[in-house]
Amino acid sequence: MQTQDLYPSRTGHQTRCLERQDPVIHQHYRDGAPLSKAQLQQYNREGYLLLPNLFGRAEVSRMLQTLEQMQQDSDLMASERAISEPGSGALRSVFQVHLHNDLCRRVAADPRITDIARFILNDELYIHQSRLNFKPGFNGREFYWHSDFETWHVEDGMPRMRALSASILLTDNTLFNGSLMVMPGSHRTYISCAGETPEHYYRDSLKQQTVGTPDNHSLARLHQRHGIRSTAAPAGSVLLFDCNLMHGSSSNISPQPRSNLFFVYNAVSNRCVKPYSPCPPRPEFLATRDSFEVLECSAEPPAREVG
């Protein structure tokens, strides 16, 4: 069943700036909340929150071992879930990791993240998308400025802005190896993009997105209003950000790789419907439909460091 399109995009030749119709935080602060009042105020105001060193060194080491095992899995690397960089062929992303890897499944359900997501979204959760993002030294390409929600809405059918992303930093993210850049406060404005979505566009957009990205004039206006901030942080930190936050990252021309484990938490009440475009839905490995499952808290989180 289709719902009213509050956030139309890719419907014509002009880019438009629309006001957000949904709250950022879906309930008021209360005692016992998983974040402080100041942290929630920052998330509401800026659209993101960086939690330094949430995971310990031993936990990050296990995740990196899992990453290396995936890279050596020839069947996985030959599947459509593995996306390579245009030109170099270096691995760019591996999708749906929470369904195909036990450690990733447990990390996705870790209460250190899910308790926060449940509070902000004020609903039960499911994983809309999961992936490992790689930026190998010298070869890691940029992710151009975009709002995730624009794609999830138009191509996947996510009705409202009631989702957030958690990026777990598996390596130090620095100014030099392509750490994520954000425009704090931009989550309050929805950029309705020009153009139309080509059929099976996801095959191209996963390597380099050109449709569903804001035009330079809109980006310049957002920058003038909000500025740009780096989210560089050490390995083990977690970056939480709203589904409509404008973000992107530059190429990695340093010798040091940048690798992040990425989960998208969507409210159960915000499950995807028919896409808000004429195209069929993107495949299951990009947007959960058939494998929908309410996320339970992990009873066996990754081993934490002692002392």
Protein backbone atom coordinates (compact mmCIF):
# COMPACT_ATOMS: atom_id res chain seq x y z
CA MET A 1 0.00 0.00 0.00
CA GLN A 2 1.36 3.43 -0.96
CA THR A 3 1.23 6.37 1.42
CA GLN A 4 1.20 10.10 0.77
CA ASP A 5 4.51 11.33 -0.62
CA LEU A 6 5.66 14.03 1.79
CA TYR A 7 9.13 14.16 0.26
CA PRO A 8 8.84 14.09 -3.53
CA SER A 9 12.12 13.95 -5.45
CA ARG A 10 13.35 13.21 -8.98
CA THR A 11 10.04 14.38 -10.38
CA GLY A 12 11.19 17.19 -12.67
CA HIS A 13 14.02 19.40 -13.84
CA GLN A 14 14.31 21.65 -10.79
CA THR A 15 15.87 21.11 -7.38
CA ARG A 16 13.77 22.27 -4.42
CA CYS A 17 14.46 22.75 -0.72
CA LEU A 18 11.60 21.38 1.39
CA GLU A 19 11.07 21.69 5.13
CA ARG A 20 11.34 18.50 7.14
CA GLN A 21 7.91 17.17 8.19
CA ASP A 22 9.07 14.74 10.90
CA PRO A 23 10.65 15.17 14.33
CA VAL A 24 14.32 14.29 14.75
CA ILE A 25 13.87 12.75 18.20
CA HIS A 26 10.53 11.02 18.67
CA GLN A 27 10.20 11.34 22.45
CA HIS A 28 11.22 13.72 25.23
CA TYR A 29 14.20 13.25 27.49
CA ARG A 30 13.56 11.27 30.67
CA ASP A 31 15.61 9.87 33.53
CA GLY A 32 17.30 6.66 32.51
CA ALA A 33 17.63 7.66 28.85
CA PRO A 34 20.68 6.09 27.16
CA LEU A 35 22.05 9.56 26.33
CA SER A 36 22.40 12.70 28.41
CA LYS A 37 20.09 15.62 27.84
CA ALA A 38 23.00 17.57 26.31
CA GLN A 39 23.77 14.72 23.89
CA LEU A 40 20.14 14.47 22.79
CA GLN A 41 19.97 18.22 22.32
CA GLN A 42 23.07 18.09 20.15
CA TYR A 43 21.64 15.26 18.05
CA ASN A 44 18.38 17.16 17.64
CA ARG A 45 20.18 20.37 16.71
CA GLU A 46 23.00 19.04 14.52
CA GLY A 47 21.68 15.71 13.28
CA TYR A 48 24.60 13.62 14.46
CA LEU A 49 26.49 12.48 17.54
CA LEU A 50 30.01 11.08 17.82
CA LEU A 51 30.60 8.59 20.65
CA PRO A 52 34.38 8.16 21.04
CA ASN A 53 35.83 4.75 21.89
CA LEU A 54 32.49 3.02 22.42
CA PHE A 55 34.08 -0.29 21.39
CA GLY A 56 37.35 -1.48 22.87
CA ARG A 57 40.52 -2.53 21.07
CA ALA A 58 39.81 -6.25 21.45
CA GLU A 59 36.34 -5.83 19.93
CA VAL A 60 37.67 -3.78 17.03
CA SER A 61 40.39 -6.35 16.43
CA ARG A 62 37.78 -9.11 16.09
CA MET A 63 35.77 -7.00 13.65
CA LEU A 64 38.89 -6.35 11.56
CA GLN A 65 39.61 -10.09 11.47
CA THR A 66 36.08 -10.64 10.17
CA LEU A 67 36.66 -7.96 7.55
CA GLU A 68 39.83 -9.70 6.35
CA GLN A 69 38.02 -13.05 6.20
CA MET A 70 35.33 -11.51 4.00
CA GLN A 71 37.95 -10.12 1.64
CA GLN A 72 39.39 -13.62 1.24
CA ASP A 73 36.00 -15.23 0.56
CA SER A 74 36.00 -15.75 -3.22
CA ASP A 75 32.28 -16.62 -3.35
CA LEU A 76 31.37 -13.44 -1.48
CA MET A 77 33.66 -11.31 -3.62
CA ALA A 78 31.99 -12.69 -6.76
CA SER A 79 28.47 -11.97 -5.46
CA GLU A 80 26.42 -8.84 -6.07
CA ARG A 81 26.76 -7.94 -2.37
CA ALA A 82 30.41 -7.04 -2.96
CA ILE A 83 30.92 -3.70 -4.72
CA SER A 84 34.26 -2.73 -6.26
CA GLU A 85 35.73 0.69 -6.96
CA PRO A 86 35.38 1.95 -10.52
CA GLY A 87 38.73 1.86 -12.23
CA SER A 88 40.96 0.19 -9.61
CA GLY A 89 38.65 -2.73 -8.81
CA ALA A 90 39.46 -2.37 -5.11
CA LEU A 91 36.71 -3.49 -2.74
CA ARG A 92 34.37 -0.57 -1.89
CA SER A 93 31.49 -2.13 0.09
CA VAL A 94 30.03 -5.45 1.23
CA PHE A 95 26.29 -5.37 1.94
CA GLN A 96 23.88 -7.34 4.14
CA VAL A 97 26.61 -8.32 6.56
CA HIS A 98 24.20 -8.65 9.49
CA LEU A 99 22.51 -11.65 7.82
CA HIS A 100 25.62 -13.45 6.61
CA ASN A 101 28.07 -13.01 9.47
CA ASP A 102 27.46 -13.95 13.10
CA LEU A 103 29.73 -11.31 14.60
CA CYS A 104 28.14 -8.54 12.52
CA ARG A 105 24.71 -9.79 13.55
CA ARG A 106 25.63 -9.49 17.23
CA VAL A 107 27.24 -6.09 16.79
CA ALA A 108 24.08 -4.85 15.03
CA ALA A 109 22.06 -5.85 18.11
CA ASP A 110 24.54 -4.49 20.67
CA PRO A 111 22.55 -2.52 23.28
CA ARG A 112 25.21 0.20 23.39
CA ILE A 113 23.85 1.24 19.98
CA THR A 114 20.32 -0.16 19.83
CA ASP A 115 19.22 1.35 23.16
CA ILE A 116 20.05 4.78 21.75
CA ALA A 117 18.36 4.09 18.41
CA ARG A 118 15.20 2.81 20.13
CA PHE A 119 15.05 5.91 22.30
CA ILE A 120 15.58 8.38 19.45
CA LEU A 121 13.10 6.64 17.12
CA ASN A 122 10.73 5.63 19.96
CA ASP A 123 9.84 2.34 18.30
CA GLU A 124 11.03 -1.20 17.80
CA LEU A 125 13.79 -1.49 15.21
CA TYR A 126 14.86 -3.51 12.23
CA ILE A 127 17.95 -3.31 10.04
CA HIS A 128 17.06 -1.57 6.79
CA GLN A 129 20.59 -1.98 5.43
CA SER A 130 24.01 -3.09 6.66
CA ARG A 131 27.40 -2.90 5.04
CA LEU A 132 31.13 -2.71 5.45
CA ASN A 133 32.60 0.36 3.77
CA PHE A 134 36.22 0.25 2.68
CA LYS A 135 38.57 3.00 1.60
CA PRO A 136 41.87 1.29 0.88
CA GLY A 137 44.98 3.41 1.01
CA PHE A 138 45.66 5.30 -2.24
CA ASN A 139 42.62 3.79 -4.03
CA GLY A 140 39.55 4.61 -1.93
CA ARG A 141 37.18 6.82 -3.89
CA GLU A 142 34.94 9.57 -2.54
CA PHE A 143 31.28 9.30 -1.49
CA TYR A 144 29.73 12.50 -2.86
CA TRP A 145 27.42 14.75 -0.82
CA HIS A 146 24.01 13.16 -0.33
CA SER A 147 21.13 12.52 2.04
CA ASP A 148 20.59 8.79 2.54
CA PHE A 149 16.88 9.31 3.06
CA GLU A 150 16.42 10.70 -0.46
CA THR A 151 17.52 7.36 -1.93
CA TRP A 152 15.77 5.24 0.69
CA HIS A 153 12.54 7.16 0.09
CA VAL A 154 12.58 7.30 -3.72
CA GLU A 155 14.15 3.92 -4.53
CA ASP A 156 13.23 1.82 -1.47
CA GLY A 157 9.90 3.32 -0.37
CA MET A 158 10.85 4.43 3.15
CA PRO A 159 7.87 6.70 3.99
CA ARG A 160 9.12 9.03 6.75
CA MET A 161 12.29 10.32 8.38
CA ARG A 162 12.30 7.86 11.26
CA ALA A 163 15.61 6.10 10.72
CA LEU A 164 19.22 6.63 11.72
CA SER A 165 22.63 5.25 10.85
CA ALA A 166 25.41 3.96 13.08
CA SER A 167 28.92 3.89 11.65
CA ILE A 168 31.40 1.90 13.75
CA LEU A 169 34.95 3.02 13.00
CA LEU A 170 37.17 -0.03 12.53
CA THR A 171 40.26 2.04 11.70
CA ASP A 172 41.25 5.51 12.74
CA ASN A 173 39.22 7.91 10.59
CA THR A 174 41.41 10.96 9.94
CA LEU A 175 41.36 14.16 7.93
CA PHE A 176 43.71 12.44 5.50
CA ASN A 177 42.10 9.05 4.79
CA GLY A 178 38.56 10.17 3.97
CA SER A 179 36.71 10.55 7.26
CA LEU A 180 33.05 11.46 6.89
CA MET A 181 32.17 15.14 6.58
CA VAL A 182 28.77 16.45 7.65
CA MET A 183 26.79 19.68 7.42
CA PRO A 184 25.46 20.00 10.99
CA GLY A 185 21.83 21.09 10.98
CA SER A 186 21.23 20.18 7.34
CA HIS A 187 18.93 17.34 8.41
CA ARG A 188 16.17 19.95 8.84
CA THR A 189 16.07 20.59 5.07
CA TYR A 190 15.11 18.01 2.46
CA ILE A 191 16.68 18.49 -0.97
CA SER A 192 14.23 17.38 -3.65
CA CYS A 193 16.56 16.48 -6.50
CA ALA A 194 16.08 16.97 -10.21
CA GLY A 195 16.09 14.22 -12.84
CA GLU A 196 14.65 10.72 -13.05
CA THR A 197 15.84 7.37 -11.79
CA PRO A 198 17.14 5.07 -14.56
CA GLU A 199 16.11 1.42 -14.40
CA HIS A 200 18.47 -0.70 -12.28
CA TYR A 201 20.29 2.49 -11.36
CA TYR A 202 21.62 0.95 -8.13
CA ARG A 203 24.23 -0.94 -10.16
CA ASP A 204 25.85 2.37 -11.06
CA SER A 205 25.05 4.38 -7.94
CA LEU A 206 26.82 1.93 -5.62
CA LYS A 207 30.05 2.77 -7.43
CA GLN A 208 29.40 6.45 -8.12
CA GLN A 209 26.10 8.22 -7.48
CA THR A 210 25.05 10.91 -9.97
CA VAL A 211 21.21 10.82 -9.63
CA GLY A 212 19.65 11.80 -6.32
CA THR A 213 22.52 14.10 -5.39
CA PRO A 214 21.94 17.82 -4.74
CA ASP A 215 23.03 20.40 -7.28
CA ASN A 216 25.94 22.71 -6.51
CA HIS A 217 23.69 25.70 -5.80
CA SER A 218 21.73 23.81 -3.12
CA LEU A 219 24.93 22.47 -1.56
CA ALA A 220 26.43 25.96 -1.49
CA ARG A 221 23.31 27.28 0.28
CA LEU A 222 23.45 24.48 2.85
CA HIS A 223 27.15 25.12 3.39
CA GLN A 224 26.58 28.84 3.85
CA ARG A 225 23.94 28.11 6.47
CA HIS A 226 25.52 25.15 8.27
CA GLY A 227 29.19 24.84 7.34
CA ILE A 228 31.13 21.57 7.11
CA ARG A 229 32.51 19.56 10.02
CA SER A 230 34.79 16.55 10.05
CA THR A 231 33.88 13.48 12.11
CA ALA A 232 37.46 12.21 12.35
CA ALA A 233 37.82 9.92 15.37
CA PRO A 234 39.82 6.90 16.57
CA ALA A 235 38.93 3.28 15.85
CA GLY A 236 36.19 1.98 18.13
CA SER A 237 34.21 5.21 18.02
CA VAL A 238 30.62 5.24 16.76
CA LEU A 239 29.04 7.96 14.65
CA LEU A 240 25.25 8.18 14.88
CA PHE A 241 23.50 10.36 12.32
CA ASP A 242 19.99 11.18 11.15
CA CYS A 243 18.77 9.68 7.89
CA ASN A 244 18.47 13.12 6.24
CA LEU A 245 21.83 14.59 7.28
CA MET A 246 23.85 15.86 4.32
CA HIS A 247 27.18 14.04 4.36
CA GLY A 248 29.99 12.84 2.15
CA SER A 249 33.68 11.98 2.17
CA SER A 250 36.72 12.64 0.04
CA SER A 251 39.00 10.13 -1.64
CA ASN A 252 41.68 8.36 0.37
CA ILE A 253 45.06 9.25 -1.11
CA SER A 254 46.89 8.45 2.13
CA PRO A 255 48.60 5.09 2.76
CA GLN A 256 46.23 4.33 5.65
CA PRO A 257 42.96 2.47 4.97
CA ARG A 258 39.62 3.67 6.30
CA SER A 259 37.11 0.94 7.15
CA ASN A 260 33.72 1.32 8.85
CA LEU A 261 30.91 -1.08 9.78
CA PHE A 262 27.58 0.51 9.00
CA PHE A 263 24.04 -0.27 10.19
CA VAL A 264 20.80 1.53 9.30
CA TYR A 265 18.12 1.28 12.01
CA ASN A 266 14.58 1.95 10.83
CA ALA A 267 11.45 2.13 12.98
CA VAL A 268 9.15 -0.86 12.51
CA SER A 269 6.27 1.55 11.95
CA ASN A 270 8.29 3.06 9.08
CA ARG A 271 8.72 -0.13 7.04
CA CYS A 272 9.29 0.36 3.36
CA VAL A 273 6.32 0.44 1.01
CA LYS A 274 6.22 0.72 -2.77
CA PRO A 275 9.05 3.02 -3.95
CA TYR A 276 8.15 6.65 -4.53
CA SER A 277 9.25 6.35 -8.15
CA PRO A 278 8.19 4.29 -11.18
CA CYS A 279 11.12 1.90 -10.73
CA PRO A 280 10.86 -1.47 -8.95
CA PRO A 281 12.35 -1.74 -5.44
CA ARG A 282 16.09 -2.18 -5.09
CA PRO A 283 17.28 -5.73 -4.30
CA GLU A 284 16.95 -7.24 -0.85
CA PHE A 285 20.65 -6.90 -0.08
CA LEU A 286 20.23 -3.10 -0.27
CA ALA A 287 16.84 -2.66 1.38
CA THR A 288 15.22 -5.16 3.74
CA ARG A 289 11.80 -6.44 2.73
CA ASP A 290 11.50 -10.25 2.67
CA SER A 291 14.03 -10.76 5.48
CA PHE A 292 12.29 -8.27 7.78
CA GLU A 293 12.79 -9.17 11.44
CA VAL A 294 12.30 -7.07 14.56
CA LEU A 295 15.70 -6.55 16.14
CA GLU A 296 16.19 -8.08 19.56
CA CYS A 297 18.89 -6.95 21.96
CA SER A 298 21.97 -9.13 21.69
CA ALA A 299 22.25 -11.60 24.54
CA GLU A 300 25.87 -12.24 23.57
CA PRO A 301 27.62 -8.97 22.67
CA PRO A 302 31.21 -9.08 21.37
CA ALA A 303 33.79 -9.66 24.08
CA ARG A 304 34.65 -6.40 25.82
CA GLU A 305 38.00 -5.45 27.25
CA VAL A 306 38.54 -5.74 30.97
CA GLY A 307 40.37 -2.99 32.82
